[in-house]
Every structure is written in C-alpha cells, then in structure tokens.
Amino acid sequence: MSNNTTDIINVQLIPTLDTSAYGAGDTLFATTKLSGAPRAGIIRSITMIDKDDVASESATFYFLNSNVTFGTFNATPSISDTDAVSIVGVSGAVVASVDLGGCKIGTLAVTIPYEAQGNGLYVAATTATALTHTASGLVINFVIERWI
C-alpha cells in the first residue's frame, strides 16, 4: 500500500478579455500564467462564471507548460507548430449555462496531468460562440490535485 497523499489546490483566474464582439473560434484570452498552480499535478475540474450573463458561454481551455504565444484575444489562434508542443492538455467545452440570475456558471470535470517547465503552468482559451464581454467578465476556477 502506498503512503502517497494528495493536496487539492484551487486556483482562480480572472483573465483580461476584449470588450468587442468575439466570433466563434476566436482566442478568448491569450496565454496567461496560473499563479498558485503547482509545478506538477492533475487538473480535476474547471468552473467558469460568466459575470456578464451574456449567453451560454462555451470555452475550450488549452494548458501549456511554458509561456508561448497562443494567439491574441478576439482573433483566430495563431500558435506556431514549434510552440504547440508546449500544450500539455486540452479541455472539452466548458459551458456556463446554469442561470443564477445575474450570472451563469458551468463546471467540467477533467483529468489533465501535467508537469510545467520553467515558470509554471499557463492557460489560453477559445470561445465556441459569438459574444461580447466586459474586460473582467469571466472568473475561472481550476481544481488541481498535487501529490505530496
């Protein structure tokens, strides 16, 4: 029997968004460091809170083990072939469709193991729907399991 234990870490991200209308498939936000994420672990869930309550927000998250250019927000992703090898996992679509009155929320359970290089774990996202946000209209919570 193993004596390994785990530690659950919650990391919150409020990405900077473009305030112009997005098109489906656009980069929702550029590569952003997940401050507080352990250097290695397993991402277990992603919860997206749409404070703008604009629509059924749907986003796909790309996890990277280094800070490379994924793309600029509100444009088609433009990651190079060389930089794409930094992607350690991709989520399914996280859909914020549960209406709580002034906001919408959604959670997706995932199993994305990773080991970051250099300065930590990074994330970028694309949107599946055309929508408009305020600059800080999304709050994203990541649950990460770290072995201790």
N, C-alpha and C. Protein backbone atom coordinates (compact mmCIF):
# COMPACT_ATOMS: atom_id res chain seq x y z
N MET A 1 0.84 -1.18 0.00
CA MET A 1 0.00 0.00 0.00
C MET A 1 0.89 1.24 0.00
N SER A 2 0.51 2.24 -0.77
CA SER A 2 1.28 3.47 -0.91
C SER A 2 0.93 4.46 0.19
N ASN A 3 1.92 5.25 0.60
CA ASN A 3 1.69 6.32 1.56
C ASN A 3 1.49 7.66 0.89
N ASN A 4 1.35 7.66 -0.43
CA ASN A 4 1.14 8.92 -1.15
C ASN A 4 -0.17 9.57 -0.72
N THR A 5 -0.12 10.87 -0.53
CA THR A 5 -1.33 11.63 -0.26
C THR A 5 -1.42 12.75 -1.29
N THR A 6 -2.57 13.32 -1.36
CA THR A 6 -2.76 14.41 -2.32
C THR A 6 -3.17 15.67 -1.60
N ASP A 7 -2.96 16.75 -2.26
CA ASP A 7 -3.31 18.08 -1.78
C ASP A 7 -4.15 18.71 -2.88
N ILE A 8 -5.30 19.25 -2.55
CA ILE A 8 -6.17 19.88 -3.53
C ILE A 8 -5.94 21.39 -3.48
N ILE A 9 -5.67 21.96 -4.63
CA ILE A 9 -5.40 23.39 -4.73
C ILE A 9 -6.44 24.02 -5.64
N ASN A 10 -7.01 25.11 -5.20
CA ASN A 10 -7.95 25.88 -6.02
C ASN A 10 -7.22 27.11 -6.54
N VAL A 11 -7.21 27.27 -7.84
CA VAL A 11 -6.56 28.41 -8.47
C VAL A 11 -7.61 29.20 -9.23
N GLN A 12 -7.70 30.49 -8.95
CA GLN A 12 -8.68 31.33 -9.62
C GLN A 12 -7.98 32.25 -10.62
N LEU A 13 -8.62 32.39 -11.78
CA LEU A 13 -8.11 33.26 -12.83
C LEU A 13 -9.22 34.19 -13.29
N ILE A 14 -8.91 35.48 -13.35
CA ILE A 14 -9.80 36.46 -13.96
C ILE A 14 -9.04 37.02 -15.15
N PRO A 15 -9.24 36.42 -16.31
CA PRO A 15 -8.45 36.83 -17.48
C PRO A 15 -8.91 38.18 -18.02
N THR A 16 -8.01 38.86 -18.68
CA THR A 16 -8.35 40.10 -19.38
C THR A 16 -8.98 39.72 -20.72
N LEU A 17 -10.18 40.28 -20.96
CA LEU A 17 -10.92 39.97 -22.18
C LEU A 17 -11.04 41.22 -23.06
N ASP A 18 -11.29 40.99 -24.33
CA ASP A 18 -11.59 42.08 -25.25
C ASP A 18 -13.05 42.48 -25.04
N THR A 19 -13.35 43.75 -25.16
CA THR A 19 -14.72 44.21 -24.96
C THR A 19 -15.48 44.34 -26.28
N SER A 20 -14.84 44.01 -27.39
CA SER A 20 -15.52 43.96 -28.69
C SER A 20 -16.13 42.58 -28.87
N ALA A 21 -17.05 42.47 -29.81
CA ALA A 21 -17.72 41.18 -30.06
C ALA A 21 -16.72 40.13 -30.54
N TYR A 22 -16.78 38.94 -29.95
CA TYR A 22 -15.98 37.80 -30.36
C TYR A 22 -16.74 37.02 -31.43
N GLY A 23 -16.00 36.33 -32.27
CA GLY A 23 -16.59 35.37 -33.19
C GLY A 23 -16.33 33.97 -32.67
N ALA A 24 -17.11 33.01 -33.09
CA ALA A 24 -16.89 31.62 -32.69
C ALA A 24 -15.51 31.16 -33.13
N GLY A 25 -14.78 30.51 -32.24
CA GLY A 25 -13.45 30.01 -32.55
C GLY A 25 -12.33 30.99 -32.27
N ASP A 26 -12.66 32.19 -31.84
CA ASP A 26 -11.64 33.19 -31.53
C ASP A 26 -10.92 32.87 -30.22
N THR A 27 -9.72 33.40 -30.07
CA THR A 27 -8.99 33.29 -28.81
C THR A 27 -9.73 34.14 -27.77
N LEU A 28 -10.23 33.51 -26.73
CA LEU A 28 -10.96 34.21 -25.67
C LEU A 28 -10.01 35.05 -24.84
N PHE A 29 -8.87 34.45 -24.47
CA PHE A 29 -7.80 35.21 -23.82
C PHE A 29 -6.47 34.56 -24.16
N ALA A 30 -5.44 35.39 -24.20
CA ALA A 30 -4.10 34.94 -24.57
C ALA A 30 -3.47 34.12 -23.44
N THR A 31 -2.33 33.52 -23.73
CA THR A 31 -1.60 32.71 -22.75
C THR A 31 -1.42 33.49 -21.46
N THR A 32 -1.88 32.88 -20.35
CA THR A 32 -1.87 33.53 -19.05
C THR A 32 -1.36 32.55 -18.02
N LYS A 33 -0.48 33.00 -17.13
CA LYS A 33 0.05 32.13 -16.09
C LYS A 33 -1.01 31.84 -15.04
N LEU A 34 -1.09 30.58 -14.60
CA LEU A 34 -1.97 30.20 -13.50
C LEU A 34 -1.17 30.33 -12.20
N SER A 35 -1.17 31.52 -11.65
CA SER A 35 -0.43 31.77 -10.42
C SER A 35 -0.98 30.92 -9.29
N GLY A 36 -0.10 30.26 -8.58
CA GLY A 36 -0.50 29.39 -7.48
C GLY A 36 -0.64 27.94 -7.86
N ALA A 37 -0.56 27.64 -9.16
CA ALA A 37 -0.65 26.25 -9.59
C ALA A 37 0.67 25.54 -9.27
N PRO A 38 0.60 24.29 -8.80
CA PRO A 38 1.84 23.56 -8.54
C PRO A 38 2.57 23.26 -9.85
N ARG A 39 3.86 22.97 -9.75
CA ARG A 39 4.65 22.69 -10.96
C ARG A 39 4.23 21.39 -11.63
N ALA A 40 3.60 20.49 -10.88
CA ALA A 40 3.12 19.24 -11.45
C ALA A 40 1.85 18.83 -10.72
N GLY A 41 0.92 18.27 -11.46
CA GLY A 41 -0.32 17.85 -10.84
C GLY A 41 -1.30 17.33 -11.86
N ILE A 42 -2.56 17.24 -11.44
CA ILE A 42 -3.64 16.81 -12.32
C ILE A 42 -4.77 17.83 -12.19
N ILE A 43 -5.13 18.45 -13.28
CA ILE A 43 -6.27 19.37 -13.27
C ILE A 43 -7.51 18.49 -13.21
N ARG A 44 -8.37 18.74 -12.22
CA ARG A 44 -9.53 17.88 -11.98
C ARG A 44 -10.85 18.52 -12.40
N SER A 45 -10.94 19.85 -12.35
CA SER A 45 -12.18 20.50 -12.80
C SER A 45 -11.92 21.95 -13.17
N ILE A 46 -12.81 22.44 -14.02
CA ILE A 46 -12.78 23.84 -14.46
C ILE A 46 -14.19 24.38 -14.26
N THR A 47 -14.31 25.46 -13.50
CA THR A 47 -15.60 26.12 -13.30
C THR A 47 -15.50 27.51 -13.88
N MET A 48 -16.42 27.84 -14.77
CA MET A 48 -16.44 29.15 -15.42
C MET A 48 -17.67 29.92 -14.97
N ILE A 49 -17.44 31.12 -14.47
CA ILE A 49 -18.52 32.00 -14.03
C ILE A 49 -18.57 33.19 -14.99
N ASP A 50 -19.68 33.33 -15.67
CA ASP A 50 -19.90 34.43 -16.62
C ASP A 50 -20.63 35.54 -15.89
N LYS A 51 -19.87 36.49 -15.33
CA LYS A 51 -20.47 37.59 -14.57
C LYS A 51 -21.27 38.53 -15.46
N ASP A 52 -20.96 38.55 -16.76
CA ASP A 52 -21.67 39.42 -17.69
C ASP A 52 -23.04 38.86 -18.06
N ASP A 53 -23.26 37.57 -17.79
CA ASP A 53 -24.57 36.94 -18.04
C ASP A 53 -25.01 37.15 -19.49
N VAL A 54 -24.03 37.03 -20.43
CA VAL A 54 -24.32 37.38 -21.82
C VAL A 54 -25.03 36.30 -22.62
N ALA A 55 -24.73 35.06 -22.35
CA ALA A 55 -25.30 33.96 -23.14
C ALA A 55 -24.84 32.66 -22.51
N SER A 56 -25.09 31.56 -23.17
CA SER A 56 -24.49 30.30 -22.72
C SER A 56 -23.05 30.29 -23.21
N GLU A 57 -22.17 30.79 -22.38
CA GLU A 57 -20.74 30.87 -22.69
C GLU A 57 -20.18 29.47 -22.85
N SER A 58 -19.41 29.25 -23.88
CA SER A 58 -18.77 27.96 -24.09
C SER A 58 -17.32 28.21 -24.47
N ALA A 59 -16.40 27.61 -23.73
CA ALA A 59 -14.97 27.83 -23.98
C ALA A 59 -14.21 26.53 -23.86
N THR A 60 -13.14 26.43 -24.63
CA THR A 60 -12.20 25.32 -24.55
C THR A 60 -10.90 25.87 -24.02
N PHE A 61 -10.30 25.15 -23.06
CA PHE A 61 -9.08 25.61 -22.41
C PHE A 61 -7.89 24.78 -22.86
N TYR A 62 -6.77 25.47 -23.11
CA TYR A 62 -5.53 24.87 -23.57
C TYR A 62 -4.48 25.11 -22.49
N PHE A 63 -3.91 24.04 -21.93
CA PHE A 63 -2.93 24.15 -20.87
C PHE A 63 -1.55 23.96 -21.46
N LEU A 64 -0.63 24.85 -21.06
CA LEU A 64 0.71 24.87 -21.64
C LEU A 64 1.75 24.82 -20.53
N ASN A 65 2.87 24.14 -20.80
CA ASN A 65 3.91 24.05 -19.78
C ASN A 65 4.96 25.14 -19.91
N SER A 66 4.75 26.09 -20.80
CA SER A 66 5.63 27.24 -20.92
C SER A 66 4.85 28.41 -21.52
N ASN A 67 5.40 29.59 -21.37
CA ASN A 67 4.74 30.82 -21.81
C ASN A 67 5.04 31.09 -23.28
N VAL A 68 4.21 30.52 -24.15
CA VAL A 68 4.37 30.73 -25.59
C VAL A 68 3.14 31.48 -26.11
N THR A 69 3.27 32.03 -27.29
CA THR A 69 2.16 32.77 -27.89
C THR A 69 1.13 31.81 -28.46
N PHE A 70 -0.08 31.83 -27.90
CA PHE A 70 -1.19 31.02 -28.39
C PHE A 70 -1.96 31.79 -29.46
N GLY A 71 -2.10 33.07 -29.21
CA GLY A 71 -2.83 33.96 -30.11
C GLY A 71 -3.23 35.21 -29.34
N THR A 72 -3.77 36.17 -30.04
CA THR A 72 -4.26 37.37 -29.36
C THR A 72 -5.76 37.27 -29.23
N PHE A 73 -6.29 37.87 -28.15
CA PHE A 73 -7.72 37.72 -27.94
C PHE A 73 -8.52 38.34 -29.07
N ASN A 74 -9.66 37.70 -29.32
CA ASN A 74 -10.60 38.12 -30.35
C ASN A 74 -10.05 37.94 -31.76
N ALA A 75 -9.18 36.96 -31.94
CA ALA A 75 -8.65 36.60 -33.26
C ALA A 75 -8.45 35.09 -33.28
N THR A 76 -8.34 34.54 -34.45
CA THR A 76 -8.10 33.11 -34.60
C THR A 76 -6.79 32.73 -33.91
N PRO A 77 -6.73 31.59 -33.19
CA PRO A 77 -5.47 31.18 -32.58
C PRO A 77 -4.36 31.14 -33.63
N SER A 78 -3.15 31.49 -33.21
CA SER A 78 -2.04 31.56 -34.15
C SER A 78 -0.77 30.93 -33.58
N ILE A 79 -0.93 29.88 -32.78
CA ILE A 79 0.23 29.22 -32.18
C ILE A 79 1.03 28.53 -33.27
N SER A 80 2.35 28.63 -33.20
CA SER A 80 3.22 28.00 -34.19
C SER A 80 3.33 26.52 -33.91
N ASP A 81 3.77 25.77 -34.92
CA ASP A 81 4.00 24.33 -34.76
C ASP A 81 5.01 24.08 -33.64
N THR A 82 6.05 24.89 -33.60
CA THR A 82 7.09 24.73 -32.59
C THR A 82 6.54 24.96 -31.19
N ASP A 83 5.73 26.00 -31.03
CA ASP A 83 5.16 26.32 -29.71
C ASP A 83 4.04 25.37 -29.30
N ALA A 84 3.37 24.75 -30.26
CA ALA A 84 2.26 23.86 -29.95
C ALA A 84 2.69 22.66 -29.11
N VAL A 85 3.97 22.29 -29.17
CA VAL A 85 4.44 21.16 -28.35
C VAL A 85 4.41 21.50 -26.86
N SER A 86 4.20 22.77 -26.50
CA SER A 86 4.07 23.18 -25.10
C SER A 86 2.69 22.88 -24.54
N ILE A 87 1.74 22.52 -25.40
CA ILE A 87 0.38 22.20 -24.93
C ILE A 87 0.42 20.83 -24.26
N VAL A 88 0.02 20.79 -22.98
CA VAL A 88 0.03 19.53 -22.22
C VAL A 88 -1.36 18.94 -22.07
N GLY A 89 -2.38 19.69 -22.46
CA GLY A 89 -3.74 19.17 -22.38
C GLY A 89 -4.75 20.18 -22.86
N VAL A 90 -5.89 19.66 -23.29
CA VAL A 90 -6.99 20.48 -23.79
C VAL A 90 -8.27 19.99 -23.12
N SER A 91 -9.07 20.92 -22.63
CA SER A 91 -10.34 20.53 -22.02
C SER A 91 -11.39 20.34 -23.10
N GLY A 92 -12.47 19.68 -22.74
CA GLY A 92 -13.66 19.72 -23.56
C GLY A 92 -14.28 21.10 -23.38
N ALA A 93 -15.41 21.32 -23.98
CA ALA A 93 -16.08 22.62 -23.85
C ALA A 93 -16.66 22.77 -22.44
N VAL A 94 -16.29 23.87 -21.79
CA VAL A 94 -16.89 24.24 -20.51
C VAL A 94 -18.03 25.18 -20.85
N VAL A 95 -19.25 24.83 -20.46
CA VAL A 95 -20.42 25.61 -20.83
C VAL A 95 -21.03 26.24 -19.58
N ALA A 96 -21.03 27.57 -19.54
CA ALA A 96 -21.65 28.30 -18.43
C ALA A 96 -23.10 28.56 -18.82
N SER A 97 -23.97 27.59 -18.52
CA SER A 97 -25.37 27.70 -18.95
C SER A 97 -26.37 27.67 -17.79
N VAL A 98 -25.89 27.42 -16.57
CA VAL A 98 -26.77 27.42 -15.41
C VAL A 98 -27.00 28.87 -15.00
N ASP A 99 -28.23 29.33 -15.13
CA ASP A 99 -28.56 30.74 -14.87
C ASP A 99 -28.82 30.95 -13.38
N LEU A 100 -28.03 31.83 -12.77
CA LEU A 100 -28.18 32.15 -11.36
C LEU A 100 -28.75 33.56 -11.17
N GLY A 101 -29.41 34.08 -12.16
CA GLY A 101 -29.99 35.41 -12.07
C GLY A 101 -29.09 36.45 -12.71
N GLY A 102 -28.04 36.86 -12.01
CA GLY A 102 -27.13 37.88 -12.53
C GLY A 102 -25.91 37.33 -13.20
N CYS A 103 -25.76 36.01 -13.23
CA CYS A 103 -24.61 35.39 -13.87
C CYS A 103 -24.98 33.99 -14.31
N LYS A 104 -24.08 33.39 -15.09
CA LYS A 104 -24.23 32.00 -15.49
C LYS A 104 -22.97 31.26 -15.06
N ILE A 105 -23.11 29.96 -14.82
CA ILE A 105 -21.99 29.17 -14.32
C ILE A 105 -22.03 27.77 -14.93
N GLY A 106 -20.86 27.18 -15.06
CA GLY A 106 -20.77 25.80 -15.53
C GLY A 106 -19.47 25.18 -15.08
N THR A 107 -19.49 23.86 -14.87
CA THR A 107 -18.30 23.13 -14.43
C THR A 107 -18.09 21.93 -15.33
N LEU A 108 -16.84 21.64 -15.60
CA LEU A 108 -16.47 20.45 -16.37
C LEU A 108 -15.44 19.68 -15.58
N ALA A 109 -15.70 18.39 -15.31
CA ALA A 109 -14.72 17.51 -14.69
C ALA A 109 -13.73 17.06 -15.77
N VAL A 110 -12.46 17.12 -15.46
CA VAL A 110 -11.41 16.73 -16.41
C VAL A 110 -10.34 15.92 -15.67
N THR A 111 -9.51 15.27 -16.41
CA THR A 111 -8.31 14.63 -15.88
C THR A 111 -7.18 14.98 -16.82
N ILE A 112 -6.45 16.05 -16.46
CA ILE A 112 -5.36 16.53 -17.31
C ILE A 112 -4.08 16.57 -16.48
N PRO A 113 -3.27 15.51 -16.57
CA PRO A 113 -1.99 15.52 -15.85
C PRO A 113 -1.01 16.45 -16.57
N TYR A 114 -0.14 17.07 -15.80
CA TYR A 114 0.84 17.98 -16.41
C TYR A 114 2.08 18.07 -15.54
N GLU A 115 3.16 18.48 -16.17
CA GLU A 115 4.38 18.85 -15.48
C GLU A 115 4.89 20.11 -16.17
N ALA A 116 4.87 21.21 -15.45
CA ALA A 116 5.26 22.50 -16.03
C ALA A 116 6.77 22.61 -16.13
N GLN A 117 7.21 23.40 -17.09
CA GLN A 117 8.63 23.70 -17.24
C GLN A 117 8.81 25.17 -16.91
N GLY A 118 10.01 25.55 -16.60
CA GLY A 118 10.29 26.97 -16.40
C GLY A 118 9.47 27.61 -15.30
N ASN A 119 8.63 28.55 -15.66
CA ASN A 119 7.93 29.37 -14.68
C ASN A 119 6.54 28.88 -14.28
N GLY A 120 6.10 27.72 -14.69
CA GLY A 120 4.83 27.23 -14.21
C GLY A 120 3.85 26.82 -15.31
N LEU A 121 2.59 26.74 -14.91
CA LEU A 121 1.50 26.31 -15.79
C LEU A 121 0.79 27.52 -16.38
N TYR A 122 0.49 27.43 -17.67
CA TYR A 122 -0.18 28.52 -18.38
C TYR A 122 -1.46 28.00 -19.01
N VAL A 123 -2.37 28.91 -19.33
CA VAL A 123 -3.63 28.53 -19.95
C VAL A 123 -4.02 29.60 -20.97
N ALA A 124 -4.67 29.17 -22.03
CA ALA A 124 -5.30 30.05 -23.01
C ALA A 124 -6.65 29.42 -23.32
N ALA A 125 -7.53 30.17 -23.97
CA ALA A 125 -8.87 29.62 -24.26
C ALA A 125 -9.40 30.14 -25.57
N THR A 126 -10.29 29.34 -26.16
CA THR A 126 -11.03 29.78 -27.34
C THR A 126 -12.52 29.72 -27.01
N THR A 127 -13.29 30.53 -27.70
CA THR A 127 -14.73 30.56 -27.50
C THR A 127 -15.43 29.82 -28.63
N ALA A 128 -16.54 29.20 -28.30
CA ALA A 128 -17.31 28.47 -29.32
C ALA A 128 -18.49 29.27 -29.82
N THR A 129 -18.73 30.41 -29.19
CA THR A 129 -19.91 31.20 -29.53
C THR A 129 -19.53 32.66 -29.76
N ALA A 130 -20.34 33.35 -30.51
CA ALA A 130 -20.15 34.79 -30.71
C ALA A 130 -20.78 35.52 -29.53
N LEU A 131 -20.00 36.37 -28.86
CA LEU A 131 -20.49 37.07 -27.68
C LEU A 131 -19.65 38.30 -27.39
N THR A 132 -20.11 39.10 -26.44
CA THR A 132 -19.38 40.30 -26.02
C THR A 132 -19.27 40.29 -24.50
N HIS A 133 -18.08 40.64 -23.97
CA HIS A 133 -17.82 40.65 -22.54
C HIS A 133 -17.30 42.00 -22.08
N THR A 134 -17.32 42.19 -20.77
CA THR A 134 -16.55 43.28 -20.17
C THR A 134 -15.13 42.76 -19.99
N ALA A 135 -14.19 43.64 -19.68
CA ALA A 135 -12.79 43.25 -19.59
C ALA A 135 -12.51 42.19 -18.53
N SER A 136 -13.31 42.16 -17.47
CA SER A 136 -13.10 41.17 -16.40
C SER A 136 -14.38 40.38 -16.13
N GLY A 137 -15.12 40.05 -17.19
CA GLY A 137 -16.42 39.42 -17.06
C GLY A 137 -16.42 37.93 -16.78
N LEU A 138 -15.26 37.28 -16.85
CA LEU A 138 -15.20 35.85 -16.54
C LEU A 138 -14.32 35.59 -15.32
N VAL A 139 -14.77 34.67 -14.50
CA VAL A 139 -13.96 34.16 -13.40
C VAL A 139 -13.87 32.66 -13.63
N ILE A 140 -12.65 32.14 -13.61
CA ILE A 140 -12.44 30.72 -13.88
C ILE A 140 -11.71 30.11 -12.70
N ASN A 141 -12.29 29.05 -12.14
CA ASN A 141 -11.69 28.35 -11.01
C ASN A 141 -11.22 26.97 -11.47
N PHE A 142 -9.97 26.66 -11.16
CA PHE A 142 -9.37 25.38 -11.51
C PHE A 142 -9.10 24.61 -10.22
N VAL A 143 -9.52 23.36 -10.18
CA VAL A 143 -9.18 22.48 -9.06
C VAL A 143 -8.05 21.58 -9.54
N ILE A 144 -6.93 21.63 -8.81
CA ILE A 144 -5.73 20.89 -9.20
C ILE A 144 -5.31 19.96 -8.06
N GLU A 145 -5.06 18.71 -8.39
CA GLU A 145 -4.58 17.74 -7.42
C GLU A 145 -3.06 17.68 -7.50
N ARG A 146 -2.44 17.89 -6.37
CA ARG A 146 -0.97 17.84 -6.30
C ARG A 146 -0.57 16.69 -5.38
N TRP A 147 0.37 15.87 -5.81
CA TRP A 147 0.87 14.79 -4.97
C TRP A 147 1.86 15.36 -3.97
N ILE A 148 1.69 14.98 -2.72
CA ILE A 148 2.63 15.42 -1.67
C ILE A 148 3.19 14.22 -0.93
